[in-house]
Protein backbone atom coordinates (compact mmCIF):
# COMPACT_ATOMS: atom_id res chain seq x y z
CA UNK A 1 -0.13 0.10 0.05
CA UNK A 2 1.54 3.13 -0.86
CA UNK A 3 2.41 6.03 1.49
CA UNK A 4 0.57 9.47 1.67
CA UNK A 5 3.75 10.83 0.25
CA UNK A 6 3.73 8.46 -2.26
CA UNK A 7 0.57 9.23 -3.50
CA UNK A 8 0.89 12.79 -3.58
CA UNK A 9 3.99 12.59 -5.70
CA UNK A 10 2.17 10.05 -8.08
CA UNK A 11 -0.78 12.76 -8.12
CA UNK A 12 1.61 15.50 -8.81
CA UNK A 13 3.58 13.60 -11.66
CA UNK A 14 0.42 12.88 -13.19
CA UNK A 15 -0.86 16.36 -13.33
CA UNK A 16 2.41 17.51 -14.90
CA UNK A 17 2.19 14.78 -17.64
CA UNK A 18 -1.34 15.56 -18.30
CA UNK A 19 -2.83 12.58 -17.39
CA UNK A 20 -6.22 11.79 -15.79
CA UNK A 21 -6.14 12.17 -11.96
CA UNK A 22 -8.42 9.41 -10.60
CA UNK A 23 -10.19 10.47 -7.44
CA UNK A 24 -8.80 8.10 -4.46
CA UNK A 25 -12.00 8.24 -2.73
CA UNK A 26 -14.20 8.09 -5.98
CA UNK A 27 -12.07 6.03 -8.39
CA UNK A 28 -14.91 6.57 -11.15
CA UNK A 29 -14.36 10.26 -10.73
CA UNK A 30 -11.66 12.20 -12.35
CA UNK A 31 -10.00 15.10 -10.32
CA UNK A 32 -9.71 18.77 -12.13
CA UNK A 33 -6.49 20.41 -11.39
CA UNK A 34 -5.26 23.55 -11.41
CA UNK A 35 -1.51 25.35 -10.70
CA UNK A 36 -1.82 28.08 -8.42
CA UNK A 37 1.20 30.61 -8.32
CA UNK A 38 1.20 32.88 -5.08
CA UNK A 39 4.01 34.80 -3.66
CA UNK A 40 4.85 32.55 -0.85
CA UNK A 41 2.74 29.28 -1.53
CA UNK A 42 2.82 27.98 -4.92
CA UNK A 43 0.64 24.60 -5.08
CA UNK A 44 -1.61 22.40 -6.92
CA UNK A 45 -4.99 22.24 -6.04
CA UNK A 46 -7.23 19.49 -7.28
CA UNK A 47 -10.76 19.21 -6.71
CA UNK A 48 -13.26 16.06 -7.21
CA UNK A 49 -16.59 16.87 -8.55
CA UNK A 50 -18.54 14.01 -7.08
CA UNK A 51 -17.31 14.04 -3.58
CA UNK A 52 -16.38 18.00 -3.32
CA UNK A 53 -13.03 17.26 -1.54
CA UNK A 54 -9.87 19.22 -2.48
CA UNK A 55 -6.54 18.10 -2.23
CA UNK A 56 -3.79 20.58 -1.82
CA UNK A 57 -0.32 19.78 -3.33
CA UNK A 58 2.69 22.25 -2.18
CA UNK A 59 4.68 22.98 -4.93
CA UNK A 60 7.75 25.52 -4.10
CA UNK A 61 10.09 24.08 -5.50
CA UNK A 62 8.07 22.55 -8.32
CA UNK A 63 8.43 18.77 -8.47
CA UNK A 64 11.05 17.29 -10.53
CA UNK A 65 12.40 13.87 -11.13
CA UNK A 66 16.42 13.37 -9.71
CA UNK A 67 18.71 12.72 -12.10
CA UNK A 68 21.23 9.25 -12.31
CA UNK A 69 23.99 10.59 -10.41
CA UNK A 70 21.97 12.38 -7.84
CA UNK A 71 20.05 9.32 -7.16
CA UNK A 72 22.93 6.92 -7.03
CA UNK A 73 24.76 9.26 -4.75
CA UNK A 74 21.56 8.69 -2.44
CA UNK A 75 22.12 5.34 -2.35
CA UNK A 76 26.02 5.79 -1.40
CA UNK A 77 24.91 7.72 1.43
CA UNK A 78 22.56 5.14 2.40
CA UNK A 79 25.77 3.01 2.71
CA UNK A 80 27.81 5.36 4.68
CA UNK A 81 24.80 5.88 7.16
CA UNK A 82 24.43 9.43 6.10
CA UNK A 83 20.83 11.49 6.45
CA UNK A 84 19.39 11.92 3.03
CA UNK A 85 17.83 15.48 1.96
CA UNK A 86 16.27 16.87 -0.98
CA UNK A 87 18.51 18.29 -3.20
CA UNK A 88 16.20 21.28 -4.35
CA UNK A 89 14.61 22.11 -0.86
CA UNK A 90 16.86 20.32 1.72
CA UNK A 91 13.83 18.36 3.31
CA UNK A 92 13.83 14.49 4.25
CA UNK A 93 13.39 11.96 1.55
CA UNK A 94 11.23 8.96 2.07
CA UNK A 95 13.37 5.99 1.23
CA UNK A 96 11.48 2.80 -0.11
CA UNK A 97 13.73 -0.30 -0.92
CA UNK A 98 12.74 -3.67 -1.95
CA UNK A 99 15.49 -6.06 -2.40
CA UNK A 100 15.49 -9.37 -4.26
CA UNK A 101 17.27 -12.07 -1.89
CA UNK A 102 18.02 -14.08 -4.40
CA UNK A 103 20.35 -11.51 -6.49
CA UNK A 104 20.82 -8.84 -4.25
CA UNK A 105 19.51 -6.12 -6.30
CA UNK A 106 17.82 -3.53 -4.63
CA UNK A 107 14.88 -0.90 -6.23
CA UNK A 108 15.10 2.37 -4.51
CA UNK A 109 12.88 5.18 -4.64
CA UNK A 110 13.48 8.48 -3.29
CA UNK A 111 10.52 11.03 -2.59
CA UNK A 112 11.06 14.30 -0.74
CA UNK A 113 8.16 14.60 1.68
CA UNK A 114 8.01 18.43 0.90
CA UNK A 115 8.22 19.21 -2.92
CA UNK A 116 7.40 15.61 -3.76
CA UNK A 117 10.43 15.43 -6.22
CA UNK A 118 11.68 11.78 -6.47
CA UNK A 119 14.23 9.22 -7.99
CA UNK A 120 14.51 5.59 -8.74
CA UNK A 121 17.56 3.53 -8.52
CA UNK A 122 17.77 -0.01 -9.24
CA UNK A 123 20.83 -2.23 -8.70
CA UNK A 124 23.35 -4.24 -6.25
CA UNK A 125 23.88 -1.34 -3.50
CA UNK A 126 27.50 -1.91 -3.34
CA UNK A 127 27.79 -0.83 -7.14
CA UNK A 128 27.05 2.91 -6.45
CA UNK A 129 30.01 4.54 -6.53
CA UNK A 130 29.87 8.20 -7.79
CA UNK A 131 33.00 9.56 -10.15
CA UNK A 132 34.01 5.53 -10.70
CA UNK A 133 33.20 3.71 -14.03
CA UNK A 134 29.70 3.19 -14.69
CA UNK A 135 27.54 1.02 -12.07
CA UNK A 136 25.33 -2.00 -12.60
CA UNK A 137 22.68 0.05 -11.26
CA UNK A 138 20.42 2.61 -13.57
CA UNK A 139 18.09 5.46 -12.76
CA UNK A 140 14.75 4.27 -14.16
CA UNK A 141 11.28 6.07 -14.37
CA UNK A 142 8.24 4.80 -12.26
CA UNK A 143 5.73 4.16 -14.21
């Protein structure tokens, strides 16, 4: 079951990609979205026409996908025991790691709890070395 942060990340991603936004409470209904730019609080407002619920997602800074070296650096930080913070807004990152026990390959997904920027890295954690030869881990978009 996805966390609230993952759900909001996916809603923001779908909004920016121009995809349909299914309402979490009313699956048959589609959310209507609007980006609101203000002096201090840029945000997305998603409204459900059926239940009249409104979801507000803070977007200052705006959500972006981390690039591959950034995500590989986050994996390397985990190995050293360092705390991972968002490159964009310096907020805490929520980390999801699913390891295949047979191969040792781990699928990491990092999501910022504030701006919902995110990145994904798949590979053996020991191969995450910034500045070395190409690694077996690759950044892949989550579908």
